[in-house]
Amino acid sequence: MEANTNQKQRCINIIERFPEEQLSMLADYLENMRKMLDEAYDMAFCVSLAELHKSYNPVHIEEDFSSIEDVANRLGVNLNDV
């Protein structure tokens, strides 16, 4: 927790060195930076999730797909009678 507090204080110290007339622009910049970081983290999470899924199930769904007719035939069901 102390390292986090030190980094927060570091940011505050940097902000305090900005002239008053630049603070609005700095605030806009920080808000945009935060949004970009959130989006980057979300994208990284999605990519890692996709990679995990890919390594877990390497068979593509198209290769594993059976038509309803094939399934019915294997089960001995006549679709014309249903």
PDB file of N, CA and C in Angstrom:
ATOM      1  N   MET A   1       0.821  -1.189   0.000  1.00  0.00           N
ATOM      2  CA  MET A   1       0.000   0.000   0.000  1.00  0.00           C
ATOM      3  C   MET A   1       0.861   1.248   0.000  1.00  0.00           C
ATOM      4  N   GLU A   2       2.009   1.194   0.657  1.00  0.00           N
ATOM      5  CA  GLU A   2       2.890   2.355   0.736  1.00  0.00           C
ATOM      6  C   GLU A   2       3.413   2.749  -0.647  1.00  0.00           C
ATOM      7  N   ALA A   3       3.756   1.766  -1.473  1.00  0.00           N
ATOM      8  CA  ALA A   3       4.240   2.066  -2.822  1.00  0.00           C
ATOM      9  C   ALA A   3       3.162   2.782  -3.617  1.00  0.00           C
ATOM     10  N   ASN A   4       1.907   2.362  -3.453  1.00  0.00           N
ATOM     11  CA  ASN A   4       0.788   2.999  -4.129  1.00  0.00           C
ATOM     12  C   ASN A   4       0.639   4.447  -3.661  1.00  0.00           C
ATOM     13  N   THR A   5       0.764   4.676  -2.364  1.00  0.00           N
ATOM     14  CA  THR A   5       0.684   6.022  -1.799  1.00  0.00           C
ATOM     15  C   THR A   5       1.823   6.890  -2.317  1.00  0.00           C
ATOM     16  N   ASN A   6       3.022   6.308  -2.426  1.00  0.00           N
ATOM     17  CA  ASN A   6       4.164   7.057  -2.940  1.00  0.00           C
ATOM     18  C   ASN A   6       3.937   7.491  -4.381  1.00  0.00           C
ATOM     19  N   GLN A   7       3.363   6.607  -5.207  1.00  0.00           N
ATOM     20  CA  GLN A   7       3.105   6.949  -6.605  1.00  0.00           C
ATOM     21  C   GLN A   7       2.018   8.013  -6.721  1.00  0.00           C
ATOM     22  N   LYS A   8       1.012   7.905  -5.873  1.00  0.00           N
ATOM     23  CA  LYS A   8      -0.053   8.912  -5.868  1.00  0.00           C
ATOM     24  C   LYS A   8       0.513  10.276  -5.466  1.00  0.00           C
ATOM     25  N   GLN A   9       1.354  10.289  -4.458  1.00  0.00           N
ATOM     26  CA  GLN A   9       1.974  11.542  -4.007  1.00  0.00           C
ATOM     27  C   GLN A   9       2.880  12.101  -5.097  1.00  0.00           C
ATOM     28  N   ARG A  10       3.572  11.228  -5.794  1.00  0.00           N
ATOM     29  CA  ARG A  10       4.430  11.657  -6.920  1.00  0.00           C
ATOM     30  C   ARG A  10       3.588  12.375  -7.974  1.00  0.00           C
ATOM     31  N   CYS A  11       2.430  11.794  -8.304  1.00  0.00           N
ATOM     32  CA  CYS A  11       1.538  12.426  -9.284  1.00  0.00           C
ATOM     33  C   CYS A  11       1.049  13.785  -8.789  1.00  0.00           C
ATOM     34  N   ILE A  12       0.685  13.845  -7.530  1.00  0.00           N
ATOM     35  CA  ILE A  12       0.217  15.111  -6.948  1.00  0.00           C
ATOM     36  C   ILE A  12       1.322  16.164  -7.014  1.00  0.00           C
ATOM     37  N   ASN A  13       2.542  15.756  -6.704  1.00  0.00           N
ATOM     38  CA  ASN A  13       3.670  16.697  -6.759  1.00  0.00           C
ATOM     39  C   ASN A  13       3.879  17.232  -8.175  1.00  0.00           C
ATOM     40  N   ILE A  14       3.734  16.383  -9.162  1.00  0.00           N
ATOM     41  CA  ILE A  14       3.883  16.825 -10.559  1.00  0.00           C
ATOM     42  C   ILE A  14       2.770  17.805 -10.907  1.00  0.00           C
ATOM     43  N   ILE A  15       1.543  17.478 -10.533  1.00  0.00           N
ATOM     44  CA  ILE A  15       0.397  18.349 -10.833  1.00  0.00           C
ATOM     45  C   ILE A  15       0.570  19.708 -10.177  1.00  0.00           C
ATOM     46  N   GLU A  16       1.072  19.734  -8.962  1.00  0.00           N
ATOM     47  CA  GLU A  16       1.246  20.998  -8.244  1.00  0.00           C
ATOM     48  C   GLU A  16       2.254  21.922  -8.913  1.00  0.00           C
ATOM     49  N   ARG A  17       3.118  21.374  -9.749  1.00  0.00           N
ATOM     50  CA  ARG A  17       4.108  22.215 -10.441  1.00  0.00           C
ATOM     51  C   ARG A  17       3.539  22.863 -11.704  1.00  0.00           C
ATOM     52  N   PHE A  18       2.345  22.461 -12.132  1.00  0.00           N
ATOM     53  CA  PHE A  18       1.728  23.069 -13.304  1.00  0.00           C
ATOM     54  C   PHE A  18       1.143  24.424 -12.952  1.00  0.00           C
ATOM     55  N   PRO A  19       1.260  25.378 -13.862  1.00  0.00           N
ATOM     56  CA  PRO A  19       0.625  26.680 -13.635  1.00  0.00           C
ATOM     57  C   PRO A  19      -0.907  26.535 -13.681  1.00  0.00           C
ATOM     58  N   GLU A  20      -1.585  27.375 -12.951  1.00  0.00           N
ATOM     59  CA  GLU A  20      -3.055  27.326 -12.822  1.00  0.00           C
ATOM     60  C   GLU A  20      -3.748  27.308 -14.187  1.00  0.00           C
ATOM     61  N   GLU A  21      -3.255  28.092 -15.130  1.00  0.00           N
ATOM     62  CA  GLU A  21      -3.919  28.193 -16.441  1.00  0.00           C
ATOM     63  C   GLU A  21      -3.786  26.914 -17.272  1.00  0.00           C
ATOM     64  N   GLN A  22      -2.927  25.988 -16.900  1.00  0.00           N
ATOM     65  CA  GLN A  22      -2.761  24.731 -17.641  1.00  0.00           C
ATOM     66  C   GLN A  22      -3.491  23.550 -16.995  1.00  0.00           C
ATOM     67  N   LEU A  23      -4.084  23.766 -15.831  1.00  0.00           N
ATOM     68  CA  LEU A  23      -4.713  22.668 -15.099  1.00  0.00           C
ATOM     69  C   LEU A  23      -5.923  22.079 -15.814  1.00  0.00           C
ATOM     70  N   SER A  24      -6.710  22.919 -16.466  1.00  0.00           N
ATOM     71  CA  SER A  24      -7.872  22.412 -17.197  1.00  0.00           C
ATOM     72  C   SER A  24      -7.436  21.463 -18.315  1.00  0.00           C
ATOM     73  N   MET A  25      -6.430  21.874 -19.050  1.00  0.00           N
ATOM     74  CA  MET A  25      -5.905  21.045 -20.126  1.00  0.00           C
ATOM     75  C   MET A  25      -5.307  19.749 -19.565  1.00  0.00           C
ATOM     76  N   LEU A  26      -4.611  19.848 -18.448  1.00  0.00           N
ATOM     77  CA  LEU A  26      -4.017  18.672 -17.811  1.00  0.00           C
ATOM     78  C   LEU A  26      -5.107  17.707 -17.349  1.00  0.00           C
ATOM     79  N   ALA A  27      -6.182  18.238 -16.774  1.00  0.00           N
ATOM     80  CA  ALA A  27      -7.285  17.395 -16.313  1.00  0.00           C
ATOM     81  C   ALA A  27      -7.913  16.635 -17.491  1.00  0.00           C
ATOM     82  N   ASP A  28      -8.123  17.337 -18.610  1.00  0.00           N
ATOM     83  CA  ASP A  28      -8.657  16.680 -19.807  1.00  0.00           C
ATOM     84  C   ASP A  28      -7.717  15.575 -20.291  1.00  0.00           C
ATOM     85  N   TYR A  29      -6.440  15.871 -20.301  1.00  0.00           N
ATOM     86  CA  TYR A  29      -5.442  14.908 -20.723  1.00  0.00           C
ATOM     87  C   TYR A  29      -5.456  13.673 -19.816  1.00  0.00           C
ATOM     88  N   LEU A  30      -5.512  13.891 -18.513  1.00  0.00           N
ATOM     89  CA  LEU A  30      -5.517  12.774 -17.558  1.00  0.00           C
ATOM     90  C   LEU A  30      -6.771  11.916 -17.708  1.00  0.00           C
ATOM     91  N   GLU A  31      -7.924  12.554 -17.913  1.00  0.00           N
ATOM     92  CA  GLU A  31      -9.158  11.789 -18.114  1.00  0.00           C
ATOM     93  C   GLU A  31      -9.072  10.939 -19.374  1.00  0.00           C
ATOM     94  N   ASN A  32      -8.554  11.502 -20.452  1.00  0.00           N
ATOM     95  CA  ASN A  32      -8.399  10.743 -21.700  1.00  0.00           C
ATOM     96  C   ASN A  32      -7.389   9.613 -21.543  1.00  0.00           C
ATOM     97  N   MET A  33      -6.308   9.873 -20.833  1.00  0.00           N
ATOM     98  CA  MET A  33      -5.293   8.852 -20.584  1.00  0.00           C
ATOM     99  C   MET A  33      -5.905   7.692 -19.798  1.00  0.00           C
ATOM    100  N   ARG A  34      -6.711   8.004 -18.812  1.00  0.00           N
ATOM    101  CA  ARG A  34      -7.356   6.980 -17.993  1.00  0.00           C
ATOM    102  C   ARG A  34      -8.280   6.113 -18.849  1.00  0.00           C
ATOM    103  N   LYS A  35      -9.064   6.741 -19.725  1.00  0.00           N
ATOM    104  CA  LYS A  35      -9.955   5.994 -20.619  1.00  0.00           C
ATOM    105  C   LYS A  35      -9.153   5.090 -21.550  1.00  0.00           C
ATOM    106  N   MET A  36      -8.061   5.605 -22.094  1.00  0.00           N
ATOM    107  CA  MET A  36      -7.225   4.806 -22.994  1.00  0.00           C
ATOM    108  C   MET A  36      -6.633   3.607 -22.259  1.00  0.00           C
ATOM    109  N   LEU A  37      -6.184   3.803 -21.029  1.00  0.00           N
ATOM    110  CA  LEU A  37      -5.630   2.703 -20.241  1.00  0.00           C
ATOM    111  C   LEU A  37      -6.695   1.659 -19.931  1.00  0.00           C
ATOM    112  N   ASP A  38      -7.890   2.113 -19.569  1.00  0.00           N
ATOM    113  CA  ASP A  38      -8.984   1.172 -19.309  1.00  0.00           C
ATOM    114  C   ASP A  38      -9.290   0.335 -20.544  1.00  0.00           C
ATOM    115  N   GLU A  39      -9.359   0.989 -21.706  1.00  0.00           N
ATOM    116  CA  GLU A  39      -9.632   0.272 -22.954  1.00  0.00           C
ATOM    117  C   GLU A  39      -8.508  -0.698 -23.286  1.00  0.00           C
ATOM    118  N   ALA A  40      -7.267  -0.290 -23.047  1.00  0.00           N
ATOM    119  CA  ALA A  40      -6.127  -1.176 -23.322  1.00  0.00           C
ATOM    120  C   ALA A  40      -6.160  -2.397 -22.404  1.00  0.00           C
ATOM    121  N   TYR A  41      -6.475  -2.195 -21.124  1.00  0.00           N
ATOM    122  CA  TYR A  41      -6.586  -3.325 -20.199  1.00  0.00           C
ATOM    123  C   TYR A  41      -7.726  -4.254 -20.601  1.00  0.00           C
ATOM    124  N   ASP A  42      -8.860  -3.677 -20.997  1.00  0.00           N
ATOM    125  CA  ASP A  42      -9.988  -4.500 -21.450  1.00  0.00           C
ATOM    126  C   ASP A  42      -9.603  -5.321 -22.676  1.00  0.00           C
ATOM    127  N   MET A  43      -8.926  -4.687 -23.627  1.00  0.00           N
ATOM    128  CA  MET A  43      -8.523  -5.382 -24.843  1.00  0.00           C
ATOM    129  C   MET A  43      -7.527  -6.493 -24.519  1.00  0.00           C
ATOM    130  N   ALA A  44      -6.578  -6.217 -23.643  1.00  0.00           N
ATOM    131  CA  ALA A  44      -5.593  -7.236 -23.250  1.00  0.00           C
ATOM    132  C   ALA A  44      -6.286  -8.408 -22.572  1.00  0.00           C
ATOM    133  N   PHE A  45      -7.288  -8.132 -21.742  1.00  0.00           N
ATOM    134  CA  PHE A  45      -8.032  -9.195 -21.084  1.00  0.00           C
ATOM    135  C   PHE A  45      -8.766 -10.050 -22.120  1.00  0.00           C
ATOM    136  N   CYS A  46      -9.409  -9.400 -23.088  1.00  0.00           N
ATOM    137  CA  CYS A  46     -10.140 -10.134 -24.130  1.00  0.00           C
ATOM    138  C   CYS A  46      -9.198 -10.990 -24.967  1.00  0.00           C
ATOM    139  N   VAL A  47      -8.046 -10.449 -25.309  1.00  0.00           N
ATOM    140  CA  VAL A  47      -7.068 -11.200 -26.096  1.00  0.00           C
ATOM    141  C   VAL A  47      -6.578 -12.409 -25.308  1.00  0.00           C
ATOM    142  N   SER A  48      -6.272 -12.218 -24.030  1.00  0.00           N
ATOM    143  CA  SER A  48      -5.796 -13.356 -23.229  1.00  0.00           C
ATOM    144  C   SER A  48      -6.890 -14.394 -23.054  1.00  0.00           C
ATOM    145  N   LEU A  49      -8.132 -13.963 -22.931  1.00  0.00           N
ATOM    146  CA  LEU A  49      -9.247 -14.892 -22.830  1.00  0.00           C
ATOM    147  C   LEU A  49      -9.407 -15.683 -24.130  1.00  0.00           C
ATOM    148  N   ALA A  50      -9.283 -15.013 -25.268  1.00  0.00           N
ATOM    149  CA  ALA A  50      -9.377 -15.690 -26.560  1.00  0.00           C
ATOM    150  C   ALA A  50      -8.237 -16.693 -26.737  1.00  0.00           C
ATOM    151  N   GLU A  51      -7.039 -16.306 -26.328  1.00  0.00           N
ATOM    152  CA  GLU A  51      -5.888 -17.216 -26.426  1.00  0.00           C
ATOM    153  C   GLU A  51      -6.077 -18.430 -25.514  1.00  0.00           C
ATOM    154  N   LEU A  52      -6.611 -18.196 -24.333  1.00  0.00           N
ATOM    155  CA  LEU A  52      -6.871 -19.296 -23.408  1.00  0.00           C
ATOM    156  C   LEU A  52      -7.894 -20.253 -24.002  1.00  0.00           C
ATOM    157  N   HIS A  53      -8.945 -19.712 -24.570  1.00  0.00           N
ATOM    158  CA  HIS A  53      -9.971 -20.541 -25.200  1.00  0.00           C
ATOM    159  C   HIS A  53      -9.390 -21.321 -26.373  1.00  0.00           C
ATOM    160  N   LYS A  54      -8.575 -20.652 -27.154  1.00  0.00           N
ATOM    161  CA  LYS A  54      -7.963 -21.297 -28.320  1.00  0.00           C
ATOM    162  C   LYS A  54      -7.086 -22.476 -27.885  1.00  0.00           C
ATOM    163  N   SER A  55      -6.325 -22.299 -26.820  1.00  0.00           N
ATOM    164  CA  SER A  55      -5.457 -23.381 -26.360  1.00  0.00           C
ATOM    165  C   SER A  55      -6.258 -24.481 -25.671  1.00  0.00           C
ATOM    166  N   TYR A  56      -7.395 -24.136 -25.098  1.00  0.00           N
ATOM    167  CA  TYR A  56      -8.231 -25.119 -24.422  1.00  0.00           C
ATOM    168  C   TYR A  56      -9.016 -25.962 -25.412  1.00  0.00           C
ATOM    169  N   ASN A  57      -9.518 -25.334 -26.466  1.00  0.00           N
ATOM    170  CA  ASN A  57     -10.352 -26.020 -27.435  1.00  0.00           C
ATOM    171  C   ASN A  57      -9.861 -25.701 -28.837  1.00  0.00           C
ATOM    172  N   PRO A  58      -8.823 -26.407 -29.305  1.00  0.00           N
ATOM    173  CA  PRO A  58      -8.252 -26.079 -30.610  1.00  0.00           C
ATOM    174  C   PRO A  58      -9.128 -26.480 -31.789  1.00  0.00           C
ATOM    175  N   VAL A  59     -10.141 -27.309 -31.568  1.00  0.00           N
ATOM    176  CA  VAL A  59     -11.018 -27.745 -32.656  1.00  0.00           C
ATOM    177  C   VAL A  59     -12.016 -26.635 -32.943  1.00  0.00           C
ATOM    178  N   HIS A  60     -12.072 -26.222 -34.181  1.00  0.00           N
ATOM    179  CA  HIS A  60     -13.013 -25.168 -34.561  1.00  0.00           C
ATOM    180  C   HIS A  60     -14.418 -25.737 -34.612  1.00  0.00           C
ATOM    181  N   ILE A  61     -15.361 -24.909 -34.334  1.00  0.00           N
ATOM    182  CA  ILE A  61     -16.743 -25.356 -34.275  1.00  0.00           C
ATOM    183  C   ILE A  61     -17.224 -25.891 -35.629  1.00  0.00           C
ATOM    184  N   GLU A  62     -16.719 -25.329 -36.733  1.00  0.00           N
ATOM    185  CA  GLU A  62     -17.123 -25.807 -38.052  1.00  0.00           C
ATOM    186  C   GLU A  62     -16.721 -27.270 -38.248  1.00  0.00           C
ATOM    187  N   GLU A  63     -15.581 -27.663 -37.714  1.00  0.00           N
ATOM    188  CA  GLU A  63     -15.110 -29.031 -37.862  1.00  0.00           C
ATOM    189  C   GLU A  63     -15.896 -29.988 -36.973  1.00  0.00           C
ATOM    190  N   ASP A  64     -16.469 -29.472 -35.907  1.00  0.00           N
ATOM    191  CA  ASP A  64     -17.190 -30.289 -34.945  1.00  0.00           C
ATOM    192  C   ASP A  64     -18.698 -30.296 -35.223  1.00  0.00           C
ATOM    193  N   PHE A  65     -19.130 -29.560 -36.202  1.00  0.00           N
ATOM    194  CA  PHE A  65     -20.547 -29.345 -36.456  1.00  0.00           C
ATOM    195  C   PHE A  65     -21.172 -30.543 -37.165  1.00  0.00           C
ATOM    196  N   SER A  66     -22.336 -30.941 -36.694  1.00  0.00           N
ATOM    197  CA  SER A  66     -23.125 -31.979 -37.358  1.00  0.00           C
ATOM    198  C   SER A  66     -24.471 -31.370 -37.716  1.00  0.00           C
ATOM    199  N   SER A  67     -24.955 -31.686 -38.899  1.00  0.00           N
ATOM    200  CA  SER A  67     -26.257 -31.160 -39.300  1.00  0.00           C
ATOM    201  C   SER A  67     -27.350 -31.897 -38.532  1.00  0.00           C
ATOM    202  N   ILE A  68     -28.516 -31.288 -38.486  1.00  0.00           N
ATOM    203  CA  ILE A  68     -29.649 -31.907 -37.792  1.00  0.00           C
ATOM    204  C   ILE A  68     -30.012 -33.237 -38.446  1.00  0.00           C
ATOM    205  N   GLU A  69     -29.846 -33.302 -39.761  1.00  0.00           N
ATOM    206  CA  GLU A  69     -30.137 -34.546 -40.482  1.00  0.00           C
ATOM    207  C   GLU A  69     -29.188 -35.665 -40.055  1.00  0.00           C
ATOM    208  N   ASP A  70     -27.876 -35.341 -39.931  1.00  0.00           N
ATOM    209  CA  ASP A  70     -26.902 -36.341 -39.497  1.00  0.00           C
ATOM    210  C   ASP A  70     -27.209 -36.851 -38.096  1.00  0.00           C
ATOM    211  N   VAL A  71     -27.539 -35.940 -37.212  1.00  0.00           N
ATOM    212  CA  VAL A  71     -27.850 -36.327 -35.843  1.00  0.00           C
ATOM    213  C   VAL A  71     -29.102 -37.196 -35.817  1.00  0.00           C
ATOM    214  N   ALA A  72     -30.108 -36.801 -36.555  1.00  0.00           N
ATOM    215  CA  ALA A  72     -31.350 -37.575 -36.608  1.00  0.00           C
ATOM    216  C   ALA A  72     -31.083 -38.983 -37.153  1.00  0.00           C
ATOM    217  N   ASN A  73     -30.281 -39.083 -38.216  1.00  0.00           N
ATOM    218  CA  ASN A  73     -29.955 -40.397 -38.788  1.00  0.00           C
ATOM    219  C   ASN A  73     -29.240 -41.279 -37.774  1.00  0.00           C
ATOM    220  N   ARG A  74     -28.267 -40.699 -37.040  1.00  0.00           N
ATOM    221  CA  ARG A  74     -27.535 -41.475 -36.037  1.00  0.00           C
ATOM    222  C   ARG A  74     -28.445 -41.960 -34.917  1.00  0.00           C
ATOM    223  N   LEU A  75     -29.482 -41.172 -34.607  1.00  0.00           N
ATOM    224  CA  LEU A  75     -30.409 -41.548 -33.542  1.00  0.00           C
ATOM    225  C   LEU A  75     -31.565 -42.407 -34.062  1.00  0.00           C
ATOM    226  N   GLY A  76     -31.617 -42.589 -35.375  1.00  0.00           N
ATOM    227  CA  GLY A  76     -32.710 -43.388 -35.959  1.00  0.00           C
ATOM    228  C   GLY A  76     -34.026 -42.656 -36.020  1.00  0.00           C
ATOM    229  N   VAL A  77     -33.966 -41.347 -36.078  1.00  0.00           N
ATOM    230  CA  VAL A  77     -35.176 -40.537 -36.138  1.00  0.00           C
ATOM    231  C   VAL A  77     -35.406 -40.104 -37.577  1.00  0.00           C
ATOM    232  N   ASN A  78     -36.620 -40.285 -38.076  1.00  0.00           N
ATOM    233  CA  ASN A  78     -36.977 -39.845 -39.407  1.00  0.00           C
ATOM    234  C   ASN A  78     -37.601 -38.456 -39.281  1.00  0.00           C
ATOM    235  N   LEU A  79     -36.936 -37.446 -39.809  1.00  0.00           N
ATOM    236  CA  LEU A  79     -37.416 -36.071 -39.676  1.00  0.00           C
ATOM    237  C   LEU A  79     -38.724 -35.849 -40.434  1.00  0.00           C
ATOM    238  N   ASN A  80     -39.021 -36.677 -41.417  1.00  0.00           N
ATOM    239  CA  ASN A  80     -40.278 -36.531 -42.154  1.00  0.00           C
ATOM    240  C   ASN A  80     -41.482 -36.941 -41.307  1.00  0.00           C
ATOM    241  N   ASP A  81     -41.236 -37.774 -40.295  1.00  0.00           N
ATOM    242  CA  ASP A  81     -42.318 -38.219 -39.432  1.00  0.00           C
ATOM    243  C   ASP A  81     -42.576 -37.269 -38.268  1.00  0.00           C
ATOM    244  N   VAL A  82     -41.709 -36.325 -38.061  1.00  0.00           N
ATOM    245  CA  VAL A  82     -41.820 -35.440 -36.907  1.00  0.00           C
ATOM    246  C   VAL A  82     -42.666 -34.239 -37.230  1.00  0.00           C
TER     247      VAL A  82
END
